[in-house]
C-alpha atoms as a PDB file:
ATOM      1  CA  MET A   1     -27.843  17.669   7.585  1.00  0.00           C
ATOM      2  CA  SER A   2     -28.718  20.726   9.657  1.00  0.00           C
ATOM      3  CA  THR A   3     -26.736  23.955   9.561  1.00  0.00           C
ATOM      4  CA  ARG A   4     -25.529  23.472  13.127  1.00  0.00           C
ATOM      5  CA  THR A   5     -24.411  19.897  12.416  1.00  0.00           C
ATOM      6  CA  GLY A   6     -22.609  20.937   9.249  1.00  0.00           C
ATOM      7  CA  GLU A   7     -20.772  23.766  11.010  1.00  0.00           C
ATOM      8  CA  ARG A   8     -19.724  21.465  13.844  1.00  0.00           C
ATOM      9  CA  ALA A   9     -18.328  18.960  11.321  1.00  0.00           C
ATOM     10  CA  ALA A  10     -16.112  21.640   9.796  1.00  0.00           C
ATOM     11  CA  MET A  11     -14.941  22.843  13.212  1.00  0.00           C
ATOM     12  CA  ASN A  12     -13.937  19.297  14.142  1.00  0.00           C
ATOM     13  CA  GLY A  13     -11.587  19.142  11.158  1.00  0.00           C
ATOM     14  CA  ALA A  14     -13.426  17.860   8.113  1.00  0.00           C
ATOM     15  CA  VAL A  15     -11.905  16.752   4.854  1.00  0.00           C
ATOM     16  CA  VAL A  16     -13.136  19.575   2.602  1.00  0.00           C
ATOM     17  CA  VAL A  17     -13.397  19.008  -1.154  1.00  0.00           C
ATOM     18  CA  GLY A  18     -14.181  21.632  -3.760  1.00  0.00           C
ATOM     19  CA  VAL A  19     -16.466  20.413  -6.552  1.00  0.00           C
ATOM     20  CA  ASP A  20     -17.570  22.067  -9.795  1.00  0.00           C
ATOM     21  CA  GLY A  21     -18.623  19.168 -12.017  1.00  0.00           C
ATOM     22  CA  SER A  22     -15.294  18.853 -13.840  1.00  0.00           C
ATOM     23  CA  ARG A  23     -13.543  15.525 -14.359  1.00  0.00           C
ATOM     24  CA  THR A  24     -10.747  16.304 -11.921  1.00  0.00           C
ATOM     25  CA  ALA A  25     -13.228  17.607  -9.326  1.00  0.00           C
ATOM     26  CA  TRP A  26     -14.964  14.208  -9.355  1.00  0.00           C
ATOM     27  CA  ALA A  27     -11.526  12.617  -8.952  1.00  0.00           C
ATOM     28  CA  ALA A  28     -10.862  14.938  -6.009  1.00  0.00           C
ATOM     29  CA  LEU A  29     -14.221  13.931  -4.499  1.00  0.00           C
ATOM     30  CA  ALA A  30     -13.310  10.243  -4.780  1.00  0.00           C
ATOM     31  CA  TRP A  31      -9.953  10.886  -3.076  1.00  0.00           C
ATOM     32  CA  ALA A  32     -11.519  12.997  -0.328  1.00  0.00           C
ATOM     33  CA  ALA A  33     -14.299  10.485   0.360  1.00  0.00           C
ATOM     34  CA  GLY A  34     -11.765   7.683   0.646  1.00  0.00           C
ATOM     35  CA  ASP A  35      -9.569   9.752   2.957  1.00  0.00           C
ATOM     36  CA  ALA A  36     -12.477  10.753   5.197  1.00  0.00           C
ATOM     37  CA  GLY A  37     -13.648   7.162   5.414  1.00  0.00           C
ATOM     38  CA  ARG A  38     -10.199   5.769   6.254  1.00  0.00           C
ATOM     39  CA  ARG A  39      -9.425   8.412   8.886  1.00  0.00           C
ATOM     40  CA  GLU A  40     -12.974   8.556  10.284  1.00  0.00           C
ATOM     41  CA  LEU A  41     -13.313  12.292   9.613  1.00  0.00           C
ATOM     42  CA  PRO A  42     -16.335  14.270   8.426  1.00  0.00           C
ATOM     43  CA  LEU A  43     -16.512  15.011   4.693  1.00  0.00           C
ATOM     44  CA  ARG A  44     -17.583  18.519   3.661  1.00  0.00           C
ATOM     45  CA  ILE A  45     -18.406  19.024  -0.032  1.00  0.00           C
ATOM     46  CA  VAL A  46     -18.178  22.668  -1.105  1.00  0.00           C
ATOM     47  CA  HIS A  47     -19.264  24.350  -4.318  1.00  0.00           C
ATOM     48  CA  VAL A  48     -18.281  27.998  -4.796  1.00  0.00           C
ATOM     49  CA  ARG A  49     -20.831  30.134  -6.582  1.00  0.00           C
ATOM     50  CA  GLU A  50     -19.124  33.162  -8.078  1.00  0.00           C
ATOM     51  CA  PRO A  51     -21.180  36.317  -7.373  1.00  0.00           C
ATOM     52  CA  TRP A  52     -20.860  37.740 -10.890  1.00  0.00           C
ATOM     53  CA  LEU A  53     -22.710  34.790 -12.476  1.00  0.00           C
ATOM     54  CA  ALA A  54     -26.348  35.535 -13.308  1.00  0.00           C
ATOM     55  CA  GLU A  55     -29.104  33.501 -11.697  1.00  0.00           C
ATOM     56  CA  ARG A  56     -30.821  33.216 -15.059  1.00  0.00           C
ATOM     57  CA  PRO A  57     -29.223  34.363 -18.346  1.00  0.00           C
ATOM     58  CA  LEU A  58     -31.245  36.961 -20.276  1.00  0.00           C
ATOM     59  CA  SER A  59     -31.689  34.507 -23.144  1.00  0.00           C
ATOM     60  CA  ALA A  60     -32.953  31.700 -20.898  1.00  0.00           C
ATOM     61  CA  SER A  61     -36.545  30.521 -21.082  1.00  0.00           C
ATOM     62  CA  SER A  62     -38.757  30.568 -18.000  1.00  0.00           C
ATOM     63  CA  ASP A  63     -38.620  26.779 -17.643  1.00  0.00           C
ATOM     64  CA  GLN A  64     -34.807  26.597 -17.934  1.00  0.00           C
ATOM     65  CA  GLU A  65     -32.795  25.542 -14.898  1.00  0.00           C
ATOM     66  CA  THR A  66     -31.534  28.427 -12.755  1.00  0.00           C
ATOM     67  CA  LEU A  67     -27.998  28.769 -11.432  1.00  0.00           C
ATOM     68  CA  THR A  68     -29.166  27.941  -7.908  1.00  0.00           C
ATOM     69  CA  GLU A  69     -30.919  24.817  -9.186  1.00  0.00           C
ATOM     70  CA  ARG A  70     -27.766  23.733 -11.042  1.00  0.00           C
ATOM     71  CA  CYS A  71     -25.666  24.261  -7.913  1.00  0.00           C
ATOM     72  CA  ASP A  72     -28.129  22.286  -5.798  1.00  0.00           C
ATOM     73  CA  ARG A  73     -28.168  19.455  -8.344  1.00  0.00           C
ATOM     74  CA  LEU A  74     -24.364  19.336  -8.433  1.00  0.00           C
ATOM     75  CA  LEU A  75     -24.082  19.166  -4.648  1.00  0.00           C
ATOM     76  CA  ALA A  76     -26.792  16.495  -4.421  1.00  0.00           C
ATOM     77  CA  ALA A  77     -25.015  14.381  -7.035  1.00  0.00           C
ATOM     78  CA  ALA A  78     -21.696  14.841  -5.252  1.00  0.00           C
ATOM     79  CA  ALA A  79     -23.222  13.820  -1.915  1.00  0.00           C
ATOM     80  CA  ASP A  80     -24.788  10.716  -3.491  1.00  0.00           C
ATOM     81  CA  ARG A  81     -21.438   9.776  -5.006  1.00  0.00           C
ATOM     82  CA  ALA A  82     -19.657  10.329  -1.687  1.00  0.00           C
ATOM     83  CA  HIS A  83     -22.149   8.058   0.117  1.00  0.00           C
ATOM     84  CA  GLU A  84     -21.430   5.335  -2.451  1.00  0.00           C
ATOM     85  CA  LEU A  85     -17.661   5.691  -2.012  1.00  0.00           C
ATOM     86  CA  ALA A  86     -17.584   6.132   1.775  1.00  0.00           C
ATOM     87  CA  PRO A  87     -20.963   5.123   3.227  1.00  0.00           C
ATOM     88  CA  GLY A  88     -19.759   5.513   6.788  1.00  0.00           C
ATOM     89  CA  ALA A  89     -18.464   9.070   6.440  1.00  0.00           C
ATOM     90  CA  ARG A  90     -20.478  11.939   7.933  1.00  0.00           C
ATOM     91  CA  THR A  91     -21.130  14.027   4.836  1.00  0.00           C
ATOM     92  CA  SER A  92     -22.342  17.624   4.542  1.00  0.00           C
ATOM     93  CA  THR A  93     -22.602  19.988   1.573  1.00  0.00           C
ATOM     94  CA  ALA A  94     -22.192  23.742   1.357  1.00  0.00           C
ATOM     95  CA  LEU A  95     -22.968  26.308  -1.323  1.00  0.00           C
ATOM     96  CA  VAL A  96     -20.610  29.231  -0.737  1.00  0.00           C
ATOM     97  CA  THR A  97     -20.679  32.533  -2.605  1.00  0.00           C
ATOM     98  CA  GLY A  98     -17.473  34.397  -3.422  1.00  0.00           C
ATOM     99  CA  ALA A  99     -14.107  34.079  -5.138  1.00  0.00           C
ATOM    100  CA  VAL A 100     -13.055  30.435  -5.357  1.00  0.00           C
ATOM    101  CA  ILE A 101      -9.565  30.668  -3.864  1.00  0.00           C
ATOM    102  CA  GLU A 102     -10.576  33.005  -1.035  1.00  0.00           C
ATOM    103  CA  ARG A 103     -13.561  30.877  -0.040  1.00  0.00           C
ATOM    104  CA  LEU A 104     -11.500  27.676  -0.036  1.00  0.00           C
ATOM    105  CA  ARG A 105      -8.800  29.410   2.008  1.00  0.00           C
ATOM    106  CA  SER A 106     -11.518  30.317   4.497  1.00  0.00           C
ATOM    107  CA  GLU A 107     -12.629  26.681   4.548  1.00  0.00           C
ATOM    108  CA  SER A 108      -9.042  25.649   5.339  1.00  0.00           C
ATOM    109  CA  GLU A 109      -9.153  27.565   8.630  1.00  0.00           C
ATOM    110  CA  THR A 110     -11.284  24.831  10.196  1.00  0.00           C
ATOM    111  CA  ALA A 111     -10.478  21.909   7.884  1.00  0.00           C
ATOM    112  CA  ASP A 112      -8.227  18.928   8.419  1.00  0.00           C
ATOM    113  CA  THR A 113      -7.431  18.926   4.686  1.00  0.00           C
ATOM    114  CA  VAL A 114      -8.672  20.760   1.590  1.00  0.00           C
ATOM    115  CA  VAL A 115      -8.837  18.694  -1.618  1.00  0.00           C
ATOM    116  CA  VAL A 116      -9.136  20.142  -5.134  1.00  0.00           C
ATOM    117  CA  GLY A 117      -8.832  18.885  -8.671  1.00  0.00           C
ATOM    118  CA  SER A 118      -5.987  20.093 -10.835  1.00  0.00           C
ATOM    119  CA  ARG A 119      -8.322  21.671 -13.398  1.00  0.00           C
ATOM    120  CA  GLY A 120     -11.838  23.037 -13.120  1.00  0.00           C
ATOM    121  CA  LEU A 121     -14.888  24.536 -14.809  1.00  0.00           C
ATOM    122  CA  GLY A 122     -18.182  26.067 -13.766  1.00  0.00           C
ATOM    123  CA  GLY A 123     -17.595  27.418 -10.253  1.00  0.00           C
ATOM    124  CA  PHE A 124     -13.886  27.048 -10.950  1.00  0.00           C
ATOM    125  CA  ALA A 125     -14.258  28.573 -14.447  1.00  0.00           C
ATOM    126  CA  GLY A 126     -10.981  28.782 -16.325  1.00  0.00           C
ATOM    127  CA  LEU A 127      -8.943  27.852 -13.268  1.00  0.00           C
ATOM    128  CA  VAL A 128      -6.110  25.375 -13.817  1.00  0.00           C
ATOM    129  CA  LEU A 129      -3.275  24.158 -11.664  1.00  0.00           C
ATOM    130  CA  GLY A 130      -1.445  27.424 -11.231  1.00  0.00           C
ATOM    131  CA  SER A 131      -4.486  29.254  -9.934  1.00  0.00           C
ATOM    132  CA  VAL A 132      -6.585  27.179  -7.514  1.00  0.00           C
ATOM    133  CA  GLY A 133      -3.904  24.607  -6.681  1.00  0.00           C
ATOM    134  CA  PHE A 134      -1.099  27.159  -6.437  1.00  0.00           C
ATOM    135  CA  GLY A 135      -3.383  29.728  -4.832  1.00  0.00           C
ATOM    136  CA  LEU A 136      -4.115  27.344  -1.970  1.00  0.00           C
ATOM    137  CA  ALA A 137      -0.959  25.282  -1.550  1.00  0.00           C
ATOM    138  CA  GLY A 138       1.411  26.941   0.852  1.00  0.00           C
ATOM    139  CA  TYR A 139      -1.117  29.601   1.859  1.00  0.00           C
ATOM    140  CA  ALA A 140      -3.992  27.550   3.238  1.00  0.00           C
ATOM    141  CA  GLU A 141      -4.292  26.921   6.959  1.00  0.00           C
ATOM    142  CA  SER A 142      -4.532  23.150   6.403  1.00  0.00           C
ATOM    143  CA  PRO A 143      -2.780  20.659   4.128  1.00  0.00           C
ATOM    144  CA  VAL A 144      -3.909  20.944   0.509  1.00  0.00           C
ATOM    145  CA  VAL A 145      -4.227  17.875  -1.739  1.00  0.00           C
ATOM    146  CA  VAL A 146      -4.272  18.368  -5.515  1.00  0.00           C
ATOM    147  CA  VAL A 147      -5.709  15.446  -7.508  1.00  0.00           C
ATOM    148  CA  ARG A 148      -5.188  14.994 -11.253  1.00  0.00           C
ATOM    149  CA  ARG A 149      -7.028  11.761 -11.975  1.00  0.00           C
ATOM    150  CA  PRO A 150      -9.271   9.186 -10.254  1.00  0.00           C
ATOM    151  CA  PRO A 151      -7.561   7.131  -7.528  1.00  0.00           C
ATOM    152  CA  ARG A 152      -5.833   4.036  -8.910  1.00  0.00           C
ATOM    153  CA  ASP A 153      -5.176   0.678  -7.324  1.00  0.00           C
ATOM    154  CA  GLY A 154      -2.703   1.467  -4.574  1.00  0.00           C
ATOM    155  CA  SER A 155       0.923   0.399  -4.469  1.00  0.00           C
ATOM    156  CA  GLY A 156       0.901   0.648  -0.703  1.00  0.00           C
ATOM    157  CA  GLU A 157       3.559   3.380  -0.615  1.00  0.00           C
ATOM    158  CA  ILE A 158       3.462   7.039   0.380  1.00  0.00           C
ATOM    159  CA  VAL A 159       6.437   9.301  -0.391  1.00  0.00           C
ATOM    160  CA  VAL A 160       7.340  12.386   1.613  1.00  0.00           C
ATOM    161  CA  GLY A 161      10.045  14.904   0.775  1.00  0.00           C
ATOM    162  CA  TYR A 162      12.048  15.579   3.928  1.00  0.00           C
ATOM    163  CA  ASP A 163      14.888  17.921   4.887  1.00  0.00           C
ATOM    164  CA  ALA A 164      14.336  18.396   8.668  1.00  0.00           C
ATOM    165  CA  SER A 165      12.840  21.887   8.209  1.00  0.00           C
ATOM    166  CA  PRO A 166       9.740  22.853  10.251  1.00  0.00           C
ATOM    167  CA  CYS A 167       7.449  22.442   7.230  1.00  0.00           C
ATOM    168  CA  ALA A 168       9.069  19.104   6.423  1.00  0.00           C
ATOM    169  CA  ASP A 169       8.379  17.928   9.974  1.00  0.00           C
ATOM    170  CA  MET A 170       4.709  18.863   9.517  1.00  0.00           C
ATOM    171  CA  ALA A 171       4.671  17.075   6.156  1.00  0.00           C
ATOM    172  CA  LEU A 172       6.215  13.990   7.745  1.00  0.00           C
ATOM    173  CA  GLU A 173       3.560  13.881  10.473  1.00  0.00           C
ATOM    174  CA  TYR A 174       0.793  14.189   7.867  1.00  0.00           C
ATOM    175  CA  ALA A 175       2.398  11.463   5.752  1.00  0.00           C
ATOM    176  CA  LEU A 176       2.666   9.189   8.792  1.00  0.00           C
ATOM    177  CA  ALA A 177      -1.031   9.703   9.568  1.00  0.00           C
ATOM    178  CA  GLN A 178      -1.837   8.777   5.976  1.00  0.00           C
ATOM    179  CA  ALA A 179       0.406   5.709   6.170  1.00  0.00           C
ATOM    180  CA  VAL A 180      -1.314   4.540   9.349  1.00  0.00           C
ATOM    181  CA  ALA A 181      -4.778   4.992   7.831  1.00  0.00           C
ATOM    182  CA  ARG A 182      -3.807   3.224   4.597  1.00  0.00           C
ATOM    183  CA  ARG A 183      -1.595   0.589   6.283  1.00  0.00           C
ATOM    184  CA  ALA A 184       1.069   1.660   3.810  1.00  0.00           C
ATOM    185  CA  ARG A 185       4.824   1.932   3.939  1.00  0.00           C
ATOM    186  CA  LEU A 186       6.347   5.402   4.008  1.00  0.00           C
ATOM    187  CA  ARG A 187       9.355   6.370   1.904  1.00  0.00           C
ATOM    188  CA  VAL A 188      11.159   9.423   3.283  1.00  0.00           C
ATOM    189  CA  LEU A 189      13.093  10.997   0.433  1.00  0.00           C
ATOM    190  CA  TYR A 190      15.846  13.583   0.785  1.00  0.00           C
ATOM    191  CA  GLY A 191      17.272  14.992  -2.445  1.00  0.00           C
ATOM    192  CA  ARG A 192      20.636  16.729  -2.337  1.00  0.00           C
ATOM    193  CA  ARG A 193      20.714  19.523  -4.929  1.00  0.00           C
ATOM    194  CA  TYR A 194      24.494  19.701  -5.015  1.00  0.00           C
ATOM    195  CA  PRO A 195      27.492  17.317  -4.977  1.00  0.00           C
ATOM    196  CA  TYR A 196      28.085  16.167  -1.429  1.00  0.00           C
ATOM    197  CA  THR A 197      31.863  16.383  -1.905  1.00  0.00           C
ATOM    198  CA  ALA A 198      31.876  20.018  -3.055  1.00  0.00           C
ATOM    199  CA  PRO A 199      33.102  22.377  -0.314  1.00  0.00           C
ATOM    200  CA  HIS A 200      31.014  25.458  -1.234  1.00  0.00           C
ATOM    201  CA  PRO A 201      28.635  24.994  -4.161  1.00  0.00           C
ATOM    202  CA  VAL A 202      27.930  28.319  -5.829  1.00  0.00           C
ATOM    203  CA  GLY A 203      24.799  29.908  -4.391  1.00  0.00           C
ATOM    204  CA  TYR A 204      24.388  27.455  -1.537  1.00  0.00           C
ATOM    205  CA  GLY A 205      27.096  28.279   1.000  1.00  0.00           C
ATOM    206  CA  PRO A 206      28.653  25.610   3.236  1.00  0.00           C
ATOM    207  CA  LEU A 207      27.195  22.145   3.074  1.00  0.00           C
ATOM    208  CA  PRO A 208      25.243  20.904   6.088  1.00  0.00           C
ATOM    209  CA  VAL A 209      27.384  18.860   8.441  1.00  0.00           C
ATOM    210  CA  GLY A 210      26.189  15.365   9.246  1.00  0.00           C
ATOM    211  CA  GLU A 211      22.933  15.853   7.327  1.00  0.00           C
ATOM    212  CA  ALA A 212      22.330  12.128   6.902  1.00  0.00           C
ATOM    213  CA  ASP A 213      22.980  11.495  10.600  1.00  0.00           C
ATOM    214  CA  GLU A 214      20.561  14.237  11.625  1.00  0.00           C
ATOM    215  CA  ILE A 215      17.815  12.967   9.344  1.00  0.00           C
ATOM    216  CA  GLY A 216      18.429   9.415  10.533  1.00  0.00           C
ATOM    217  CA  ARG A 217      18.162  10.546  14.152  1.00  0.00           C
ATOM    218  CA  ARG A 218      14.864  12.291  13.545  1.00  0.00           C
ATOM    219  CA  LEU A 219      13.433   9.349  11.664  1.00  0.00           C
ATOM    220  CA  ALA A 220      14.442   7.017  14.484  1.00  0.00           C
ATOM    221  CA  LEU A 221      12.190   9.033  16.785  1.00  0.00           C
ATOM    222  CA  ARG A 222       9.305   8.598  14.338  1.00  0.00           C
ATOM    223  CA  ARG A 223       9.926   4.852  14.154  1.00  0.00           C
ATOM    224  CA  GLU A 224       9.501   4.687  17.925  1.00  0.00           C
ATOM    225  CA  LYS A 225       6.290   6.705  17.735  1.00  0.00           C
ATOM    226  CA  TYR A 226       4.869   4.728  14.785  1.00  0.00           C
ATOM    227  CA  PRO A 227       6.188   1.169  15.216  1.00  0.00           C
ATOM    228  CA  ASP A 228       3.606  -0.307  12.833  1.00  0.00           C
ATOM    229  CA  VAL A 229       4.662   1.849   9.861  1.00  0.00           C
ATOM    230  CA  GLU A 230       7.413   0.547   7.600  1.00  0.00           C
ATOM    231  CA  LEU A 231       9.611   3.625   7.201  1.00  0.00           C
ATOM    232  CA  ILE A 232      12.173   3.615   4.372  1.00  0.00           C
ATOM    233  CA  GLU A 233      14.912   6.233   4.251  1.00  0.00           C
ATOM    234  CA  SER A 234      16.082   7.338   0.781  1.00  0.00           C
ATOM    235  CA  ILE A 235      18.857   9.910   0.308  1.00  0.00           C
ATOM    236  CA  VAL A 236      19.568  10.634  -3.347  1.00  0.00           C
ATOM    237  CA  ASP A 237      22.175  12.835  -5.004  1.00  0.00           C
ATOM    238  CA  GLU A 238      19.827  14.718  -7.299  1.00  0.00           C
ATOM    239  CA  HIS A 239      17.450  17.636  -7.224  1.00  0.00           C
ATOM    240  CA  PRO A 240      14.384  16.785  -5.098  1.00  0.00           C
ATOM    241  CA  VAL A 241      11.839  17.662  -7.813  1.00  0.00           C
ATOM    242  CA  PRO A 242      12.808  14.963 -10.367  1.00  0.00           C
ATOM    243  CA  ALA A 243      13.459  12.526  -7.519  1.00  0.00           C
ATOM    244  CA  LEU A 244       9.966  13.048  -6.076  1.00  0.00           C
ATOM    245  CA  ALA A 245       8.379  13.079  -9.555  1.00  0.00           C
ATOM    246  CA  ALA A 246       9.990   9.734 -10.348  1.00  0.00           C
ATOM    247  CA  ALA A 247       8.842   8.289  -7.015  1.00  0.00           C
ATOM    248  CA  SER A 248       5.290   9.510  -7.734  1.00  0.00           C
ATOM    249  CA  ARG A 249       4.950   7.066 -10.634  1.00  0.00           C
ATOM    250  CA  VAL A 250       4.315   4.226  -8.195  1.00  0.00           C
ATOM    251  CA  ALA A 251       3.294   6.119  -5.044  1.00  0.00           C
ATOM    252  CA  ASP A 252      -0.280   6.534  -3.831  1.00  0.00           C
ATOM    253  CA  LEU A 253       0.480  10.027  -2.493  1.00  0.00           C
ATOM    254  CA  VAL A 254       3.421  12.438  -2.449  1.00  0.00           C
ATOM    255  CA  VAL A 255       3.659  14.818   0.500  1.00  0.00           C
ATOM    256  CA  VAL A 256       5.859  17.922   0.576  1.00  0.00           C
ATOM    257  CA  GLY A 257       6.282  20.900   2.868  1.00  0.00           C
ATOM    258  CA  SER A 258       5.557  24.302   1.375  1.00  0.00           C
ATOM    259  CA  ARG A 259       8.987  25.623   2.408  1.00  0.00           C
ATOM    260  CA  GLY A 260      12.287  23.930   3.200  1.00  0.00           C
ATOM    261  CA  LEU A 261      15.968  24.249   3.982  1.00  0.00           C
ATOM    262  CA  GLY A 262      19.093  22.134   3.651  1.00  0.00           C
ATOM    263  CA  GLY A 263      18.502  19.836   0.694  1.00  0.00           C
ATOM    264  CA  PHE A 264      15.437  21.944  -0.085  1.00  0.00           C
ATOM    265  CA  THR A 265      17.338  25.255   0.365  1.00  0.00           C
ATOM    266  CA  SER A 266      15.124  28.218  -0.568  1.00  0.00           C
ATOM    267  CA  ALA A 267      12.344  25.749  -1.350  1.00  0.00           C
ATOM    268  CA  MET A 268       9.064  27.599  -1.118  1.00  0.00           C
ATOM    269  CA  LEU A 269       5.996  27.243  -3.237  1.00  0.00           C
ATOM    270  CA  GLY A 270       7.479  28.149  -6.581  1.00  0.00           C
ATOM    271  CA  SER A 271      10.454  25.785  -6.408  1.00  0.00           C
ATOM    272  CA  VAL A 272      10.209  22.281  -4.963  1.00  0.00           C
ATOM    273  CA  SER A 273       6.513  22.338  -4.047  1.00  0.00           C
ATOM    274  CA  ARG A 274       5.587  24.010  -7.325  1.00  0.00           C
ATOM    275  CA  GLY A 275       7.753  21.626  -9.344  1.00  0.00           C
ATOM    276  CA  VAL A 276       6.257  18.551  -7.693  1.00  0.00           C
ATOM    277  CA  LEU A 277       2.706  19.843  -8.223  1.00  0.00           C
ATOM    278  CA  GLN A 278       3.449  20.282 -11.911  1.00  0.00           C
ATOM    279  CA  ARG A 279       5.240  16.974 -12.497  1.00  0.00           C
ATOM    280  CA  ALA A 280       3.794  14.384 -10.121  1.00  0.00           C
ATOM    281  CA  HIS A 281       1.839  11.388 -11.436  1.00  0.00           C
ATOM    282  CA  CYS A 282      -0.233  10.898  -8.284  1.00  0.00           C
ATOM    283  CA  PRO A 283      -2.071  13.157  -5.815  1.00  0.00           C
ATOM    284  CA  VAL A 284       0.184  15.673  -4.056  1.00  0.00           C
ATOM    285  CA  SER A 285      -0.292  17.076  -0.558  1.00  0.00           C
ATOM    286  CA  VAL A 286       1.385  20.387   0.333  1.00  0.00           C
ATOM    287  CA  VAL A 287       1.697  20.978   4.077  1.00  0.00           C
ATOM    288  CA  SER A 288       2.539  24.317   5.692  1.00  0.00           C
ATOM    289  CA  ALA A 289       3.612  25.149   9.210  1.00  0.00           C
ATOM    290  CA  PRO A 290       0.459  26.016  11.186  1.00  0.00           C
ATOM    291  CA  ARG A 291      -0.690  29.615  11.174  1.00  0.00           C
ATOM    292  CA  ARG A 292      -4.104  29.131  12.749  1.00  0.00           C
ATOM    293  CA  ARG A 293      -6.216  32.280  13.012  1.00  0.00           C
ATOM    294  CA  PRO A 294      -9.365  32.720  15.150  1.00  0.00           C
ATOM    295  CA  LEU A 295     -12.339  30.790  13.809  1.00  0.00           C
ATOM    296  CA  ARG A 296     -14.834  32.732  11.725  1.00  0.00           C
ATOM    297  CA  ARG A 297     -17.851  31.831   9.673  1.00  0.00           C
ATOM    298  CA  THR A 298     -17.608  31.776   5.909  1.00  0.00           C
ATOM    299  CA  PRO A 299     -19.810  34.568   4.480  1.00  0.00           C
ATOM    300  CA  GLY A 300     -22.675  33.400   2.324  1.00  0.00           C
ATOM    301  CA  ALA A 301     -22.388  29.705   3.281  1.00  0.00           C
ATOM    302  CA  ARG A 302     -25.453  27.520   3.062  1.00  0.00           C
ATOM    303  CA  VAL A 303     -24.946  24.154   4.733  1.00  0.00           C
ATOM    304  CA  ARG A 304     -27.253  21.150   4.586  1.00  0.00           C
END
């Protein structure tokens, strides 16, 4: 694919996946290829080459594979795998030089979604969930999906944590788009952190008035907008993290906003979102309120 074609794919909102040859990166590639195919979006496969890595180690022989050759081989293998998984998806690859998190954040500025594995090696050397996943989720310009293991046979259910906050509204819209593409039902889960009957739980202030009614009203509007999606409302009297973690055992995807209010009071990446990323049994998408900046090219990108 030409450079101009590859750049246009990203600008149109590609599903971007970071690959490094690790097991979870291949799982992330499988998820991203499936998502791009279902939603008819371009797929952009990115490998980040860290600038401090030598092209050829001093101890290497002259006929040994160079770093550039290894990167090219990885991207070619990833593209071949993506074509097998989603033959109809428009696929491009990019070798990008820089720090992994910063380069993937830059990719998120024009992406529909950025997908990463929960653990990495090579271009993601030493990075585990807590560095790449946490470094992107909540700070990227697009939704971020963190994948732990290869996609399993689907249950036909997506779960979204919802509290009527702006980020939760964005998460709900993303979850609805996923439900439409997958022809899945959507479970909207609201977890109350405190006893509903308590007048002023310590540290929380007054309880929201008519919280269930407000959430029900908002969901009714979504049912009108998405009449073909089975939308299930679940309000539980427990902390949202264990509630969402339990739901993730059978869900195909859990979606959360990066920040919340009400039942997710003070929930930013580091509380609910962080807890779900650490404990979920299925892929997790973290969605932030949009903070789109002017488009700019990623330095050092080579697109095919």
